[in-house]
Protein backbone atom coordinates (compact mmCIF):
# COMPACT_ATOMS: atom_id res chain seq x y z
CA UNK A 1 17.50 11.19 -21.19
CA UNK A 2 16.51 10.63 -17.65
CA UNK A 3 16.48 7.33 -16.31
CA UNK A 4 12.93 5.45 -15.88
CA UNK A 5 11.49 5.32 -12.42
CA UNK A 6 11.85 1.40 -12.52
CA UNK A 7 15.70 2.24 -12.96
CA UNK A 8 16.02 4.37 -11.12
CA UNK A 9 14.10 2.01 -8.29
CA UNK A 10 16.48 -0.75 -9.20
CA UNK A 11 19.71 1.45 -8.65
CA UNK A 12 18.70 2.59 -5.16
CA UNK A 13 17.53 -1.42 -4.46
CA UNK A 14 20.78 -1.56 -5.03
CA UNK A 15 22.47 0.96 -2.88
CA UNK A 16 20.17 -0.20 -0.03
CA UNK A 17 21.09 -3.72 -0.17
CA UNK A 18 25.08 -2.84 -0.38
CA UNK A 19 24.24 -0.53 3.07
CA UNK A 20 22.94 -3.81 4.60
CA UNK A 21 26.93 -4.65 4.37
CA UNK A 22 28.29 -1.96 6.25
CA UNK A 23 26.27 -1.47 8.87
CA UNK A 24 27.46 1.62 11.51
CA UNK A 25 29.47 3.06 8.53
CA UNK A 26 29.08 6.88 7.87
CA UNK A 27 26.30 6.89 5.29
CA UNK A 28 27.16 9.75 3.00
CA UNK A 29 31.08 8.29 2.95
CA UNK A 30 29.10 4.62 1.85
CA UNK A 31 27.05 6.99 -0.86
CA UNK A 32 30.29 8.48 -2.31
CA UNK A 33 31.94 5.00 -2.30
CA UNK A 34 29.08 4.03 -4.35
CA UNK A 35 28.64 6.58 -6.68
CA UNK A 36 32.25 6.74 -7.76
CA UNK A 37 31.86 3.03 -8.88
CA UNK A 38 28.66 4.20 -11.44
CA UNK A 39 29.75 4.74 -14.76
CA UNK A 40 26.09 6.37 -15.24
CA UNK A 41 26.19 10.22 -14.42
CA UNK A 42 22.72 10.30 -14.35
CA UNK A 43 22.59 7.97 -11.19
CA UNK A 44 25.25 10.17 -9.67
CA UNK A 45 22.75 13.16 -10.15
CA UNK A 46 19.94 11.19 -9.31
CA UNK A 47 17.01 12.55 -6.87
CA UNK A 48 14.92 9.91 -6.31
CA UNK A 49 17.53 7.38 -5.52
CA UNK A 50 19.61 9.84 -3.39
CA UNK A 51 16.21 10.73 -1.35
CA UNK A 52 15.33 6.88 -1.26
CA UNK A 53 18.90 6.15 -0.15
CA UNK A 54 19.28 8.38 2.83
CA UNK A 55 15.58 8.09 3.59
CA UNK A 56 15.93 4.47 4.45
CA UNK A 57 19.45 5.15 6.10
CA UNK A 58 17.33 7.46 8.58
CA UNK A 59 14.67 5.40 8.58
CA UNK A 60 16.07 2.17 8.92
CA UNK A 61 14.41 1.49 12.62
CA UNK A 62 11.05 2.34 11.68
CA UNK A 63 11.27 0.32 8.65
CA UNK A 64 12.77 -2.94 10.70
CA UNK A 65 10.26 -2.41 13.10
CA UNK A 66 7.06 -2.57 11.29
CA UNK A 67 9.01 -5.20 8.99
CA UNK A 68 9.34 -7.22 12.74
CA UNK A 69 5.80 -6.68 13.25
CA UNK A 70 4.82 -7.83 10.14
CA UNK A 71 6.34 -11.02 10.29
CA UNK A 72 6.38 -11.75 13.96
CA UNK A 73 7.58 -15.41 12.63
CA UNK A 74 10.71 -14.79 10.76
CA UNK A 75 13.39 -12.62 12.91
CA UNK A 76 14.89 -9.80 10.51
CA UNK A 77 18.32 -11.91 10.75
CA UNK A 78 16.46 -14.74 8.83
CA UNK A 79 15.09 -12.62 6.26
CA UNK A 80 17.27 -12.55 2.85
CA UNK A 81 19.19 -9.58 2.46
CA UNK A 82 17.42 -8.41 -0.75
CA UNK A 83 14.30 -9.16 0.73
CA UNK A 84 15.03 -6.84 3.49
CA UNK A 85 16.48 -3.90 1.34
CA UNK A 86 13.23 -4.55 -1.07
CA UNK A 87 11.27 -4.36 1.99
CA UNK A 88 13.03 -1.34 3.20
CA UNK A 89 12.54 0.31 -0.03
CA UNK A 90 8.80 -0.32 -0.57
CA UNK A 91 8.17 0.31 2.91
CA UNK A 92 10.34 3.65 2.78
CA UNK A 93 8.69 4.93 -0.35
CA UNK A 94 4.72 3.44 1.16
CA UNK A 95 5.01 5.68 4.29
CA UNK A 96 7.28 8.53 3.25
CA UNK A 97 6.75 9.26 -0.53
CA UNK A 98 2.92 9.97 -1.00
CA UNK A 99 3.69 11.19 -4.66
CA UNK A 100 4.46 7.29 -5.37
CA UNK A 101 1.31 4.91 -5.19
CA UNK A 102 1.56 2.52 -2.55
CA UNK A 103 0.32 -0.37 -5.35
CA UNK A 104 3.07 0.50 -7.03
CA UNK A 105 5.45 0.00 -4.65
CA UNK A 106 4.25 -2.78 -3.83
CA UNK A 107 4.50 -4.39 -7.17
CA UNK A 108 8.09 -2.97 -7.90
CA UNK A 109 9.42 -4.65 -5.04
CA UNK A 110 7.72 -8.20 -6.00
CA UNK A 111 9.22 -7.74 -9.75
CA UNK A 112 12.65 -7.04 -8.28
CA UNK A 113 12.48 -9.56 -5.89
CA UNK A 114 11.58 -12.16 -9.06
CA UNK A 115 14.71 -10.99 -10.53
CA UNK A 116 16.91 -10.98 -7.14
CA UNK A 117 15.76 -13.49 -4.81
CA UNK A 118 14.32 -16.92 -4.51
CA UNK A 119 11.04 -18.14 -5.80
CA UNK A 120 9.44 -17.68 -2.18
CA UNK A 121 10.61 -13.80 -1.45
CA UNK A 122 7.97 -12.46 -4.35
CA UNK A 123 4.74 -13.76 -2.24
CA UNK A 124 6.68 -13.03 1.13
CA UNK A 125 6.89 -9.55 -0.04
CA UNK A 126 3.75 -9.22 -1.77
CA UNK A 127 1.94 -10.06 1.67
CA UNK A 128 4.03 -8.08 3.94
CA UNK A 129 3.36 -4.60 1.60
CA UNK A 130 0.00 -5.97 1.56
CA UNK A 131 -0.75 -5.73 5.17
CA UNK A 132 1.81 -2.69 5.67
CA UNK A 133 -0.73 -0.70 3.26
CA UNK A 134 -3.73 -2.08 5.19
CA UNK A 135 -2.01 -1.19 8.71
CA UNK A 136 -1.27 2.36 7.98
CA UNK A 137 -4.64 2.88 6.22
CA UNK A 138 -6.41 1.05 9.53
CA UNK A 139 -7.85 -1.39 7.58
CA UNK A 140 -8.31 -4.94 9.08
CA UNK A 141 -6.13 -7.67 8.01
CA UNK A 142 -7.66 -10.29 5.27
C-alpha cells in the first residue's frame, strides 16, 4: 500500500530537518544513512521523499534567500530548525513542484508546525508562505 502524501511529506520534513544538523556533509550519504534507520520499505522507495530531500538540498541557498527576504526582522539563525525545515520543504514545493497546489503546501506546513513546533510557528509559517506565493505570482502583499 502506497504512503499517503501527508505521510510522505512528514517523512520528507523529518529528513530535511535531520539534514540541518549535518551541514556540509555529503547529501547522498546522509540520505542513505537516514534510510538505513527506517524500517518502512515504502519510505525507502518513495520518489516524492527522494525528490524533496535532494531538491531542498540543491536549492537550499535559494530557499533560504526567499525566507530571509520575506522575514527581514528575523534572521535565519533565529528561526527554529523545525520551522526552517518546514519552510524549506514548502517553498521547494511552491517554487519547483507545479503538480502540488500552493495552498496545499502552505496548509500542510502549517499542520506539521502545529504538531512539531511551538504555538507561534503556525502563524509565522502561514504568513511567510502566503507572502511567498503572492510574491511568486506577482501580487501585492496585503
